[in-house]
Amino acid sequence: MKQTEMINKTKQWVKNQLLEEKTGHDWQHIRRVTKQAEEMAEVEGADKLVVTLAALTHDLIDDKVVESEEQGLQMVNQWFSEIGLSDTERNHIINIITSMSFKGGNNKAMTTLEGKIVQDADRLDALGAIGIARTFIYSGSKGQPMYDPALSVRDSMTLEEYRNGQSSAINHFYEKLLKLKDLMNTEEGKRIASVRHTFMEEFLEQFYDEWGNE
């Protein structure tokens, strides 16, 4: 199977897996991340097939989206076998998508150019206007409040605390989003992140102004 066909088939397959996704990790998120990653791969001279397939499948093994990361990984591996991906390419992609999630800041650093690009592209979609919108959608899906001044920002967390501890949409800015600018891997990622970071800071200033004092 040619690379273009592999990519097109995978796009449709991933889209079908995420039809009912309502937490901000839906097909439109995947579409944006993939487009951003492909653009960065072109600039950086990275392996386009690895970058594209990793971007397309990265959320299918994430516990924010699937009930079992292990089952998700088996499903992705089976798909890669079906489309005829080589073992080298498959192992590279699996290594990327199992390592790239923020996970409360507990994840390991990416070691390949392709991994750094896909991670940056995913993190960029958590910043700026889209990042703000996704934060409130995700918090609502978890039953968390928009803002609660009584809830303290958590500085350090285990993965369990990060996933299931009590927080709010606004606290998530400090627990994750505002940290991402300094965690970007590529120069292009850093450039875009800086602009979107500033936008989020301006949003928070406006939010607190409208919220008022209790």
N, C-alpha and C. Protein backbone atom coordinates (compact mmCIF):
# COMPACT_ATOMS: atom_id res chain seq x y z
N MET A 1 0.85 -1.20 0.00
CA MET A 1 0.00 0.00 0.00
C MET A 1 0.88 1.25 0.00
N LYS A 2 0.58 2.20 -0.87
CA LYS A 2 1.35 3.44 -0.95
C LYS A 2 1.11 4.31 0.29
N GLN A 3 2.07 5.20 0.57
CA GLN A 3 1.98 6.04 1.75
C GLN A 3 0.71 6.90 1.74
N THR A 4 0.37 7.46 0.58
CA THR A 4 -0.83 8.30 0.50
C THR A 4 -2.08 7.50 0.84
N GLU A 5 -2.14 6.27 0.37
CA GLU A 5 -3.30 5.43 0.67
C GLU A 5 -3.32 5.06 2.15
N MET A 6 -2.16 4.76 2.72
CA MET A 6 -2.08 4.47 4.16
C MET A 6 -2.64 5.63 4.98
N ILE A 7 -2.24 6.83 4.62
CA ILE A 7 -2.66 8.02 5.36
C ILE A 7 -4.15 8.25 5.19
N ASN A 8 -4.66 8.18 3.97
CA ASN A 8 -6.08 8.42 3.73
C ASN A 8 -6.97 7.40 4.43
N LYS A 9 -6.57 6.14 4.39
CA LYS A 9 -7.34 5.10 5.06
C LYS A 9 -7.32 5.31 6.58
N THR A 10 -6.17 5.71 7.10
CA THR A 10 -6.05 5.93 8.54
C THR A 10 -6.88 7.12 8.97
N LYS A 11 -6.93 8.16 8.15
CA LYS A 11 -7.77 9.32 8.48
C LYS A 11 -9.23 8.91 8.65
N GLN A 12 -9.73 8.13 7.72
CA GLN A 12 -11.13 7.70 7.80
C GLN A 12 -11.35 6.77 8.98
N TRP A 13 -10.41 5.90 9.24
CA TRP A 13 -10.52 4.96 10.37
C TRP A 13 -10.55 5.71 11.69
N VAL A 14 -9.64 6.66 11.87
CA VAL A 14 -9.60 7.44 13.12
C VAL A 14 -10.87 8.26 13.28
N LYS A 15 -11.31 8.87 12.19
CA LYS A 15 -12.54 9.66 12.23
C LYS A 15 -13.71 8.82 12.71
N ASN A 16 -13.79 7.59 12.24
CA ASN A 16 -14.87 6.69 12.66
C ASN A 16 -14.77 6.33 14.14
N GLN A 17 -13.54 6.22 14.67
CA GLN A 17 -13.36 5.89 16.08
C GLN A 17 -13.81 7.01 17.00
N LEU A 18 -13.80 8.24 16.50
CA LEU A 18 -14.03 9.40 17.36
C LEU A 18 -15.37 10.10 17.10
N LEU A 19 -16.30 9.40 16.46
CA LEU A 19 -17.59 10.02 16.12
C LEU A 19 -18.35 10.50 17.35
N GLU A 20 -18.24 9.79 18.48
CA GLU A 20 -18.99 10.12 19.68
C GLU A 20 -18.15 10.86 20.72
N GLU A 21 -16.96 11.30 20.35
CA GLU A 21 -16.06 11.94 21.31
C GLU A 21 -16.55 13.36 21.63
N LYS A 22 -16.68 13.68 22.92
CA LYS A 22 -17.26 14.96 23.32
C LYS A 22 -16.38 15.72 24.33
N THR A 23 -15.11 15.36 24.46
CA THR A 23 -14.28 15.99 25.50
C THR A 23 -13.25 16.97 24.93
N GLY A 24 -13.34 17.27 23.64
CA GLY A 24 -12.35 18.14 23.02
C GLY A 24 -11.20 17.38 22.39
N HIS A 25 -11.29 16.03 22.41
CA HIS A 25 -10.28 15.18 21.77
C HIS A 25 -10.91 14.48 20.57
N ASP A 26 -11.72 15.21 19.85
CA ASP A 26 -12.51 14.68 18.75
C ASP A 26 -11.73 14.71 17.43
N TRP A 27 -12.42 14.38 16.34
CA TRP A 27 -11.76 14.35 15.04
C TRP A 27 -11.22 15.72 14.64
N GLN A 28 -11.90 16.79 14.98
CA GLN A 28 -11.41 18.12 14.61
C GLN A 28 -10.10 18.45 15.31
N HIS A 29 -9.95 17.98 16.54
CA HIS A 29 -8.67 18.13 17.25
C HIS A 29 -7.58 17.36 16.50
N ILE A 30 -7.88 16.12 16.12
CA ILE A 30 -6.92 15.31 15.39
C ILE A 30 -6.56 15.96 14.05
N ARG A 31 -7.56 16.49 13.36
CA ARG A 31 -7.33 17.15 12.07
C ARG A 31 -6.38 18.33 12.22
N ARG A 32 -6.61 19.15 13.24
CA ARG A 32 -5.75 20.33 13.45
C ARG A 32 -4.33 19.91 13.81
N VAL A 33 -4.20 18.95 14.71
CA VAL A 33 -2.87 18.49 15.13
C VAL A 33 -2.11 17.89 13.95
N THR A 34 -2.80 17.11 13.15
CA THR A 34 -2.14 16.47 11.99
C THR A 34 -1.67 17.51 10.99
N LYS A 35 -2.51 18.48 10.70
CA LYS A 35 -2.13 19.55 9.75
C LYS A 35 -0.91 20.32 10.27
N GLN A 36 -0.94 20.67 11.56
CA GLN A 36 0.18 21.40 12.15
C GLN A 36 1.45 20.56 12.12
N ALA A 37 1.32 19.28 12.45
CA ALA A 37 2.49 18.39 12.48
C ALA A 37 3.08 18.20 11.08
N GLU A 38 2.22 18.07 10.08
CA GLU A 38 2.71 17.90 8.71
C GLU A 38 3.46 19.15 8.24
N GLU A 39 2.96 20.32 8.60
CA GLU A 39 3.63 21.57 8.22
C GLU A 39 5.00 21.67 8.89
N MET A 40 5.07 21.29 10.16
CA MET A 40 6.33 21.34 10.88
C MET A 40 7.31 20.29 10.36
N ALA A 41 6.79 19.11 9.97
CA ALA A 41 7.65 18.05 9.41
C ALA A 41 8.30 18.51 8.12
N GLU A 42 7.55 19.26 7.32
CA GLU A 42 8.07 19.78 6.06
C GLU A 42 9.22 20.74 6.32
N VAL A 43 9.07 21.60 7.31
CA VAL A 43 10.11 22.58 7.65
C VAL A 43 11.34 21.90 8.23
N GLU A 44 11.10 20.91 9.11
CA GLU A 44 12.20 20.27 9.84
C GLU A 44 12.84 19.11 9.08
N GLY A 45 12.22 18.66 7.99
CA GLY A 45 12.77 17.54 7.24
C GLY A 45 12.58 16.21 7.92
N ALA A 46 11.44 16.06 8.61
CA ALA A 46 11.15 14.82 9.34
C ALA A 46 10.43 13.82 8.43
N ASP A 47 10.32 12.58 8.89
CA ASP A 47 9.64 11.52 8.16
C ASP A 47 8.14 11.80 8.17
N LYS A 48 7.59 12.14 7.01
CA LYS A 48 6.19 12.57 6.95
C LYS A 48 5.22 11.45 7.32
N LEU A 49 5.50 10.23 6.88
CA LEU A 49 4.58 9.13 7.18
C LEU A 49 4.50 8.88 8.68
N VAL A 50 5.64 8.82 9.34
CA VAL A 50 5.66 8.60 10.79
C VAL A 50 4.96 9.74 11.51
N VAL A 51 5.26 10.96 11.15
CA VAL A 51 4.64 12.13 11.79
C VAL A 51 3.13 12.11 11.60
N THR A 52 2.69 11.89 10.38
CA THR A 52 1.26 11.95 10.09
C THR A 52 0.49 10.84 10.80
N LEU A 53 0.98 9.61 10.74
CA LEU A 53 0.26 8.51 11.37
C LEU A 53 0.29 8.63 12.89
N ALA A 54 1.37 9.14 13.45
CA ALA A 54 1.42 9.35 14.90
C ALA A 54 0.43 10.43 15.32
N ALA A 55 0.37 11.51 14.55
CA ALA A 55 -0.58 12.59 14.86
C ALA A 55 -2.02 12.10 14.76
N LEU A 56 -2.30 11.29 13.76
CA LEU A 56 -3.66 10.79 13.55
C LEU A 56 -4.11 9.85 14.67
N THR A 57 -3.21 9.05 15.20
CA THR A 57 -3.62 7.99 16.14
C THR A 57 -3.30 8.29 17.60
N HIS A 58 -2.71 9.44 17.89
CA HIS A 58 -2.16 9.66 19.23
C HIS A 58 -3.18 9.60 20.35
N ASP A 59 -4.43 9.95 20.10
CA ASP A 59 -5.43 9.95 21.17
C ASP A 59 -6.16 8.62 21.31
N LEU A 60 -5.94 7.70 20.40
CA LEU A 60 -6.66 6.43 20.46
C LEU A 60 -6.14 5.49 21.53
N ILE A 61 -5.04 5.87 22.18
CA ILE A 61 -4.54 5.07 23.30
C ILE A 61 -4.53 5.88 24.60
N ASP A 62 -5.17 7.04 24.59
CA ASP A 62 -5.16 7.93 25.75
C ASP A 62 -6.36 7.65 26.64
N ASP A 63 -6.13 7.55 27.95
CA ASP A 63 -7.23 7.22 28.86
C ASP A 63 -8.25 8.34 29.00
N LYS A 64 -7.98 9.50 28.41
CA LYS A 64 -9.00 10.54 28.37
C LYS A 64 -10.07 10.21 27.33
N VAL A 65 -9.71 9.32 26.39
CA VAL A 65 -10.59 9.01 25.27
C VAL A 65 -11.09 7.56 25.31
N VAL A 66 -10.20 6.65 25.66
CA VAL A 66 -10.56 5.23 25.66
C VAL A 66 -10.60 4.69 27.09
N GLU A 67 -11.40 3.67 27.31
CA GLU A 67 -11.51 3.08 28.64
C GLU A 67 -10.24 2.34 29.04
N SER A 68 -9.58 1.72 28.08
CA SER A 68 -8.38 0.94 28.36
C SER A 68 -7.27 1.33 27.40
N GLU A 69 -6.17 1.86 27.93
CA GLU A 69 -5.04 2.21 27.08
C GLU A 69 -4.45 0.96 26.42
N GLU A 70 -4.47 -0.16 27.15
CA GLU A 70 -3.93 -1.41 26.61
C GLU A 70 -4.73 -1.87 25.40
N GLN A 71 -6.06 -1.83 25.50
CA GLN A 71 -6.91 -2.22 24.38
C GLN A 71 -6.74 -1.26 23.21
N GLY A 72 -6.61 0.04 23.53
CA GLY A 72 -6.39 1.03 22.49
C GLY A 72 -5.10 0.77 21.74
N LEU A 73 -4.07 0.41 22.47
CA LEU A 73 -2.77 0.13 21.86
C LEU A 73 -2.85 -1.10 20.96
N GLN A 74 -3.57 -2.12 21.42
CA GLN A 74 -3.74 -3.32 20.60
C GLN A 74 -4.49 -2.99 19.31
N MET A 75 -5.50 -2.15 19.42
CA MET A 75 -6.29 -1.76 18.26
C MET A 75 -5.44 -1.00 17.23
N VAL A 76 -4.62 -0.07 17.72
CA VAL A 76 -3.76 0.71 16.83
C VAL A 76 -2.71 -0.19 16.18
N ASN A 77 -2.11 -1.07 16.96
CA ASN A 77 -1.12 -2.00 16.41
C ASN A 77 -1.72 -2.88 15.32
N GLN A 78 -2.94 -3.35 15.56
CA GLN A 78 -3.61 -4.19 14.56
C GLN A 78 -3.87 -3.41 13.29
N TRP A 79 -4.27 -2.14 13.44
CA TRP A 79 -4.52 -1.31 12.27
C TRP A 79 -3.25 -1.12 11.45
N PHE A 80 -2.16 -0.83 12.13
CA PHE A 80 -0.89 -0.64 11.42
C PHE A 80 -0.47 -1.90 10.67
N SER A 81 -0.76 -3.05 11.24
CA SER A 81 -0.46 -4.31 10.56
C SER A 81 -1.32 -4.46 9.31
N GLU A 82 -2.59 -4.08 9.43
CA GLU A 82 -3.53 -4.21 8.31
C GLU A 82 -3.14 -3.35 7.12
N ILE A 83 -2.59 -2.16 7.38
CA ILE A 83 -2.24 -1.28 6.26
C ILE A 83 -0.81 -1.54 5.76
N GLY A 84 -0.12 -2.50 6.37
CA GLY A 84 1.19 -2.90 5.87
C GLY A 84 2.35 -2.04 6.32
N LEU A 85 2.23 -1.41 7.48
CA LEU A 85 3.33 -0.59 7.99
C LEU A 85 4.50 -1.48 8.39
N SER A 86 5.71 -1.03 8.12
CA SER A 86 6.88 -1.83 8.49
C SER A 86 7.03 -1.85 10.01
N ASP A 87 7.74 -2.86 10.54
CA ASP A 87 7.95 -2.95 11.98
C ASP A 87 8.69 -1.74 12.51
N THR A 88 9.65 -1.26 11.74
CA THR A 88 10.43 -0.09 12.18
C THR A 88 9.55 1.14 12.31
N GLU A 89 8.72 1.38 11.31
CA GLU A 89 7.81 2.53 11.34
C GLU A 89 6.78 2.37 12.45
N ARG A 90 6.23 1.16 12.58
CA ARG A 90 5.21 0.92 13.60
C ARG A 90 5.79 1.14 15.01
N ASN A 91 6.97 0.60 15.26
CA ASN A 91 7.58 0.76 16.58
C ASN A 91 7.89 2.22 16.88
N HIS A 92 8.33 2.95 15.86
CA HIS A 92 8.63 4.38 16.04
C HIS A 92 7.35 5.13 16.42
N ILE A 93 6.28 4.89 15.71
CA ILE A 93 5.02 5.57 15.97
C ILE A 93 4.47 5.20 17.35
N ILE A 94 4.50 3.93 17.69
CA ILE A 94 4.01 3.49 19.00
C ILE A 94 4.81 4.15 20.12
N ASN A 95 6.12 4.25 19.93
CA ASN A 95 6.96 4.91 20.92
C ASN A 95 6.56 6.37 21.10
N ILE A 96 6.21 7.03 20.00
CA ILE A 96 5.79 8.43 20.07
C ILE A 96 4.48 8.57 20.83
N ILE A 97 3.47 7.83 20.43
CA ILE A 97 2.13 8.05 20.99
C ILE A 97 1.99 7.53 22.41
N THR A 98 2.91 6.67 22.85
CA THR A 98 2.86 6.22 24.24
C THR A 98 3.70 7.11 25.16
N SER A 99 4.40 8.09 24.58
CA SER A 99 5.30 8.93 25.38
C SER A 99 4.93 10.40 25.39
N MET A 100 4.01 10.82 24.53
CA MET A 100 3.85 12.25 24.29
C MET A 100 2.88 12.98 25.20
N SER A 101 2.01 12.26 25.89
CA SER A 101 0.99 12.92 26.71
C SER A 101 1.61 13.65 27.89
N PHE A 102 1.00 14.78 28.28
CA PHE A 102 1.50 15.61 29.38
C PHE A 102 1.51 14.85 30.70
N LYS A 103 0.40 14.14 31.00
CA LYS A 103 0.26 13.28 32.18
C LYS A 103 0.72 13.96 33.47
N GLY A 104 0.25 15.19 33.66
CA GLY A 104 0.60 15.90 34.89
C GLY A 104 2.05 16.33 34.95
N GLY A 105 2.72 16.36 33.79
CA GLY A 105 4.13 16.74 33.76
C GLY A 105 5.06 15.59 34.09
N ASN A 106 4.52 14.36 34.11
CA ASN A 106 5.31 13.19 34.51
C ASN A 106 5.87 12.40 33.33
N ASN A 107 5.64 12.88 32.11
CA ASN A 107 6.08 12.11 30.95
C ASN A 107 7.57 12.29 30.67
N LYS A 108 8.14 11.37 29.89
CA LYS A 108 9.54 11.45 29.53
C LYS A 108 9.73 12.36 28.31
N ALA A 109 10.93 12.89 28.16
CA ALA A 109 11.24 13.75 27.01
C ALA A 109 11.25 12.93 25.73
N MET A 110 10.78 13.52 24.64
CA MET A 110 10.80 12.85 23.34
C MET A 110 12.23 12.78 22.83
N THR A 111 12.56 11.68 22.16
CA THR A 111 13.95 11.47 21.74
C THR A 111 14.16 11.57 20.24
N THR A 112 13.08 11.57 19.43
CA THR A 112 13.25 11.66 17.98
C THR A 112 12.63 12.95 17.46
N LEU A 113 13.11 13.39 16.31
CA LEU A 113 12.58 14.60 15.70
C LEU A 113 11.08 14.46 15.45
N GLU A 114 10.67 13.31 14.94
CA GLU A 114 9.26 13.08 14.64
C GLU A 114 8.42 13.16 15.91
N GLY A 115 8.92 12.58 16.99
CA GLY A 115 8.20 12.64 18.26
C GLY A 115 8.08 14.06 18.79
N LYS A 116 9.15 14.83 18.67
CA LYS A 116 9.14 16.22 19.14
C LYS A 116 8.13 17.04 18.36
N ILE A 117 8.03 16.79 17.06
CA ILE A 117 7.10 17.53 16.21
C ILE A 117 5.66 17.21 16.57
N VAL A 118 5.34 15.94 16.70
CA VAL A 118 3.96 15.55 17.00
C VAL A 118 3.56 16.04 18.40
N GLN A 119 4.46 15.95 19.34
CA GLN A 119 4.17 16.45 20.69
C GLN A 119 3.92 17.95 20.67
N ASP A 120 4.76 18.69 19.95
CA ASP A 120 4.56 20.14 19.84
C ASP A 120 3.22 20.47 19.19
N ALA A 121 2.88 19.78 18.12
CA ALA A 121 1.63 20.04 17.42
C ALA A 121 0.43 19.79 18.33
N ASP A 122 0.49 18.72 19.11
CA ASP A 122 -0.59 18.40 20.05
C ASP A 122 -0.68 19.46 21.14
N ARG A 123 0.44 19.89 21.65
CA ARG A 123 0.44 20.89 22.72
C ARG A 123 -0.02 22.25 22.20
N LEU A 124 0.28 22.57 20.96
CA LEU A 124 -0.18 23.85 20.41
C LEU A 124 -1.70 23.90 20.35
N ASP A 125 -2.35 22.75 20.18
CA ASP A 125 -3.81 22.74 20.15
C ASP A 125 -4.42 22.88 21.54
N ALA A 126 -3.57 22.85 22.57
CA ALA A 126 -4.03 23.11 23.94
C ALA A 126 -3.80 24.56 24.34
N LEU A 127 -3.32 25.37 23.40
CA LEU A 127 -3.01 26.77 23.67
C LEU A 127 -3.90 27.68 22.82
N GLY A 128 -3.90 28.97 23.16
CA GLY A 128 -4.64 29.95 22.38
C GLY A 128 -6.14 29.81 22.53
N ALA A 129 -6.88 30.35 21.56
CA ALA A 129 -8.34 30.36 21.61
C ALA A 129 -8.91 28.94 21.61
N ILE A 130 -8.35 28.08 20.76
CA ILE A 130 -8.82 26.70 20.71
C ILE A 130 -8.53 26.00 22.02
N GLY A 131 -7.36 26.22 22.57
CA GLY A 131 -7.00 25.61 23.84
C GLY A 131 -7.94 26.01 24.96
N ILE A 132 -8.32 27.28 24.98
CA ILE A 132 -9.27 27.77 25.99
C ILE A 132 -10.61 27.07 25.84
N ALA A 133 -11.10 27.01 24.61
CA ALA A 133 -12.39 26.37 24.36
C ALA A 133 -12.36 24.90 24.76
N ARG A 134 -11.28 24.21 24.41
CA ARG A 134 -11.18 22.79 24.74
C ARG A 134 -11.10 22.56 26.25
N THR A 135 -10.46 23.48 26.95
CA THR A 135 -10.35 23.35 28.40
C THR A 135 -11.72 23.35 29.07
N PHE A 136 -12.59 24.25 28.63
CA PHE A 136 -13.91 24.33 29.25
C PHE A 136 -14.79 23.15 28.85
N ILE A 137 -14.63 22.66 27.61
CA ILE A 137 -15.38 21.46 27.20
C ILE A 137 -14.94 20.27 28.02
N TYR A 138 -13.64 20.09 28.19
CA TYR A 138 -13.15 18.94 28.93
C TYR A 138 -13.54 19.01 30.40
N SER A 139 -13.40 20.18 30.99
CA SER A 139 -13.76 20.33 32.41
C SER A 139 -15.25 20.04 32.63
N GLY A 140 -16.08 20.51 31.71
CA GLY A 140 -17.51 20.23 31.81
C GLY A 140 -17.80 18.74 31.70
N SER A 141 -17.08 18.06 30.82
CA SER A 141 -17.30 16.62 30.65
C SER A 141 -16.90 15.84 31.89
N LYS A 142 -15.98 16.40 32.68
CA LYS A 142 -15.52 15.75 33.91
C LYS A 142 -16.30 16.20 35.14
N GLY A 143 -17.29 17.08 34.92
CA GLY A 143 -18.09 17.58 36.03
C GLY A 143 -17.35 18.58 36.91
N GLN A 144 -16.32 19.21 36.37
CA GLN A 144 -15.56 20.20 37.13
C GLN A 144 -16.14 21.60 36.92
N PRO A 145 -16.04 22.47 37.92
CA PRO A 145 -16.58 23.82 37.77
C PRO A 145 -15.76 24.67 36.82
N MET A 146 -16.37 25.72 36.31
CA MET A 146 -15.64 26.68 35.49
C MET A 146 -14.52 27.32 36.31
N TYR A 147 -14.88 27.73 37.54
CA TYR A 147 -13.90 28.35 38.43
C TYR A 147 -14.42 28.26 39.85
N ASP A 148 -13.54 27.98 40.77
CA ASP A 148 -13.88 27.95 42.18
C ASP A 148 -12.68 28.50 42.95
N PRO A 149 -12.77 29.74 43.42
CA PRO A 149 -11.63 30.35 44.13
C PRO A 149 -11.17 29.56 45.34
N ALA A 150 -12.04 28.70 45.87
CA ALA A 150 -11.68 27.91 47.05
C ALA A 150 -10.76 26.74 46.70
N LEU A 151 -10.68 26.38 45.42
CA LEU A 151 -9.83 25.28 44.99
C LEU A 151 -8.42 25.81 44.70
N SER A 152 -7.44 25.26 45.39
CA SER A 152 -6.06 25.68 45.19
C SER A 152 -5.48 25.03 43.93
N VAL A 153 -4.59 25.75 43.28
CA VAL A 153 -3.87 25.19 42.14
C VAL A 153 -2.90 24.12 42.64
N ARG A 154 -2.89 22.98 41.98
CA ARG A 154 -2.02 21.87 42.38
C ARG A 154 -0.67 22.01 41.67
N ASP A 155 0.39 22.13 42.46
CA ASP A 155 1.72 22.36 41.89
C ASP A 155 2.35 21.08 41.36
N SER A 156 2.25 20.00 42.09
CA SER A 156 2.81 18.73 41.66
C SER A 156 1.79 17.64 41.92
N MET A 157 1.66 16.72 40.97
CA MET A 157 0.62 15.70 41.06
C MET A 157 1.12 14.38 40.52
N THR A 158 0.58 13.30 41.07
CA THR A 158 0.74 12.00 40.45
C THR A 158 -0.20 11.97 39.25
N LEU A 159 -0.03 10.97 38.38
CA LEU A 159 -0.93 10.83 37.24
C LEU A 159 -2.36 10.65 37.70
N GLU A 160 -2.57 9.87 38.75
CA GLU A 160 -3.92 9.64 39.28
C GLU A 160 -4.54 10.95 39.76
N GLU A 161 -3.77 11.77 40.47
CA GLU A 161 -4.27 13.05 40.96
C GLU A 161 -4.58 13.99 39.79
N TYR A 162 -3.71 13.97 38.78
CA TYR A 162 -3.91 14.83 37.63
C TYR A 162 -5.19 14.48 36.89
N ARG A 163 -5.44 13.17 36.73
CA ARG A 163 -6.60 12.72 35.98
C ARG A 163 -7.90 12.86 36.78
N ASN A 164 -7.86 12.54 38.07
CA ASN A 164 -9.10 12.38 38.82
C ASN A 164 -9.26 13.29 40.03
N GLY A 165 -8.24 14.10 40.33
CA GLY A 165 -8.35 15.01 41.47
C GLY A 165 -9.30 16.17 41.19
N GLN A 166 -9.72 16.84 42.25
CA GLN A 166 -10.66 17.95 42.12
C GLN A 166 -9.94 19.20 41.62
N SER A 167 -10.46 19.78 40.56
CA SER A 167 -9.86 20.98 39.99
C SER A 167 -10.95 21.80 39.31
N SER A 168 -10.55 22.77 38.50
CA SER A 168 -11.50 23.59 37.75
C SER A 168 -10.88 23.94 36.41
N ALA A 169 -11.70 24.47 35.50
CA ALA A 169 -11.18 24.86 34.19
C ALA A 169 -10.09 25.92 34.32
N ILE A 170 -10.32 26.91 35.17
CA ILE A 170 -9.34 27.97 35.33
C ILE A 170 -8.06 27.45 35.96
N ASN A 171 -8.18 26.57 36.94
CA ASN A 171 -6.98 26.00 37.56
C ASN A 171 -6.14 25.23 36.55
N HIS A 172 -6.81 24.64 35.55
CA HIS A 172 -6.10 23.84 34.54
C HIS A 172 -5.10 24.71 33.76
N PHE A 173 -5.38 25.99 33.65
CA PHE A 173 -4.43 26.89 32.98
C PHE A 173 -3.09 26.84 33.70
N TYR A 174 -3.14 26.88 35.04
CA TYR A 174 -1.91 26.93 35.83
C TYR A 174 -1.29 25.56 36.03
N GLU A 175 -2.11 24.52 36.02
CA GLU A 175 -1.62 23.16 36.23
C GLU A 175 -1.00 22.57 34.97
N LYS A 176 -1.39 23.10 33.81
CA LYS A 176 -0.85 22.57 32.55
C LYS A 176 -0.59 23.64 31.49
N LEU A 177 -1.63 24.33 31.07
CA LEU A 177 -1.56 25.13 29.84
C LEU A 177 -0.45 26.19 29.84
N LEU A 178 -0.31 26.92 30.95
CA LEU A 178 0.68 27.98 30.99
C LEU A 178 2.11 27.44 31.12
N LYS A 179 2.25 26.14 31.35
CA LYS A 179 3.57 25.52 31.43
C LYS A 179 4.08 25.09 30.04
N LEU A 180 3.16 24.95 29.10
CA LEU A 180 3.51 24.33 27.82
C LEU A 180 4.49 25.16 26.99
N LYS A 181 4.41 26.47 27.07
CA LYS A 181 5.29 27.33 26.27
C LYS A 181 6.76 26.97 26.50
N ASP A 182 7.12 26.69 27.72
CA ASP A 182 8.52 26.39 28.05
C ASP A 182 8.88 24.92 27.86
N LEU A 183 7.92 24.12 27.42
CA LEU A 183 8.16 22.69 27.21
C LEU A 183 8.21 22.33 25.72
N MET A 184 8.08 23.33 24.85
CA MET A 184 8.09 23.04 23.42
C MET A 184 9.47 22.57 22.97
N ASN A 185 9.47 21.69 21.97
CA ASN A 185 10.71 21.08 21.49
C ASN A 185 11.36 21.82 20.33
N THR A 186 10.56 22.30 19.39
CA THR A 186 11.07 22.87 18.14
C THR A 186 10.99 24.40 18.15
N GLU A 187 11.78 25.03 17.32
CA GLU A 187 11.77 26.49 17.25
C GLU A 187 10.42 27.00 16.75
N GLU A 188 9.86 26.31 15.77
CA GLU A 188 8.54 26.72 15.26
C GLU A 188 7.48 26.55 16.34
N GLY A 189 7.56 25.45 17.09
CA GLY A 189 6.63 25.24 18.18
C GLY A 189 6.74 26.34 19.23
N LYS A 190 7.95 26.72 19.56
CA LYS A 190 8.17 27.79 20.55
C LYS A 190 7.60 29.11 20.07
N ARG A 191 7.77 29.38 18.77
CA ARG A 191 7.28 30.65 18.21
C ARG A 191 5.76 30.74 18.30
N ILE A 192 5.08 29.71 17.85
CA ILE A 192 3.61 29.71 17.87
C ILE A 192 3.10 29.70 19.31
N ALA A 193 3.74 28.91 20.16
CA ALA A 193 3.30 28.80 21.55
C ALA A 193 3.39 30.13 22.27
N SER A 194 4.41 30.92 21.97
CA SER A 194 4.58 32.21 22.64
C SER A 194 3.40 33.14 22.36
N VAL A 195 2.95 33.16 21.11
CA VAL A 195 1.81 34.01 20.73
C VAL A 195 0.54 33.54 21.43
N ARG A 196 0.30 32.25 21.43
CA ARG A 196 -0.92 31.71 22.02
C ARG A 196 -0.89 31.82 23.55
N HIS A 197 0.29 31.72 24.14
CA HIS A 197 0.45 31.87 25.58
C HIS A 197 0.03 33.28 26.01
N THR A 198 0.48 34.26 25.26
CA THR A 198 0.12 35.65 25.57
C THR A 198 -1.38 35.85 25.50
N PHE A 199 -2.02 35.25 24.51
CA PHE A 199 -3.48 35.36 24.36
C PHE A 199 -4.18 34.77 25.59
N MET A 200 -3.69 33.65 26.10
CA MET A 200 -4.31 33.04 27.27
C MET A 200 -4.13 33.90 28.51
N GLU A 201 -2.98 34.52 28.65
CA GLU A 201 -2.77 35.41 29.79
C GLU A 201 -3.75 36.59 29.74
N GLU A 202 -3.97 37.11 28.54
CA GLU A 202 -4.93 38.22 28.37
C GLU A 202 -6.35 37.75 28.68
N PHE A 203 -6.68 36.54 28.28
CA PHE A 203 -8.00 35.98 28.59
C PHE A 203 -8.20 35.87 30.10
N LEU A 204 -7.20 35.39 30.81
CA LEU A 204 -7.32 35.23 32.26
C LEU A 204 -7.51 36.59 32.94
N GLU A 205 -6.80 37.59 32.49
CA GLU A 205 -6.98 38.94 33.06
C GLU A 205 -8.41 39.40 32.88
N GLN A 206 -8.97 39.21 31.68
CA GLN A 206 -10.35 39.61 31.41
C GLN A 206 -11.32 38.77 32.23
N PHE A 207 -11.05 37.48 32.36
CA PHE A 207 -11.92 36.59 33.12
C PHE A 207 -12.02 37.06 34.58
N TYR A 208 -10.88 37.30 35.20
CA TYR A 208 -10.89 37.72 36.60
C TYR A 208 -11.56 39.08 36.77
N ASP A 209 -11.39 39.95 35.78
CA ASP A 209 -12.03 41.27 35.84
C ASP A 209 -13.54 41.12 35.81
N GLU A 210 -14.04 40.24 34.96
CA GLU A 210 -15.49 40.04 34.86
C GLU A 210 -16.03 39.24 36.05
N TRP A 211 -15.22 38.35 36.59
CA TRP A 211 -15.66 37.52 37.72
C TRP A 211 -15.92 38.39 38.95
N GLY A 212 -15.00 39.33 39.19
CA GLY A 212 -15.15 40.23 40.32
C GLY A 212 -14.79 39.58 41.64
N ASN A 213 -14.75 40.37 42.67
CA ASN A 213 -14.41 39.89 44.01
C ASN A 213 -15.64 39.35 44.70
N GLU A 214 -15.45 38.28 45.49
CA GLU A 214 -16.57 37.74 46.25
C GLU A 214 -16.60 38.34 47.64
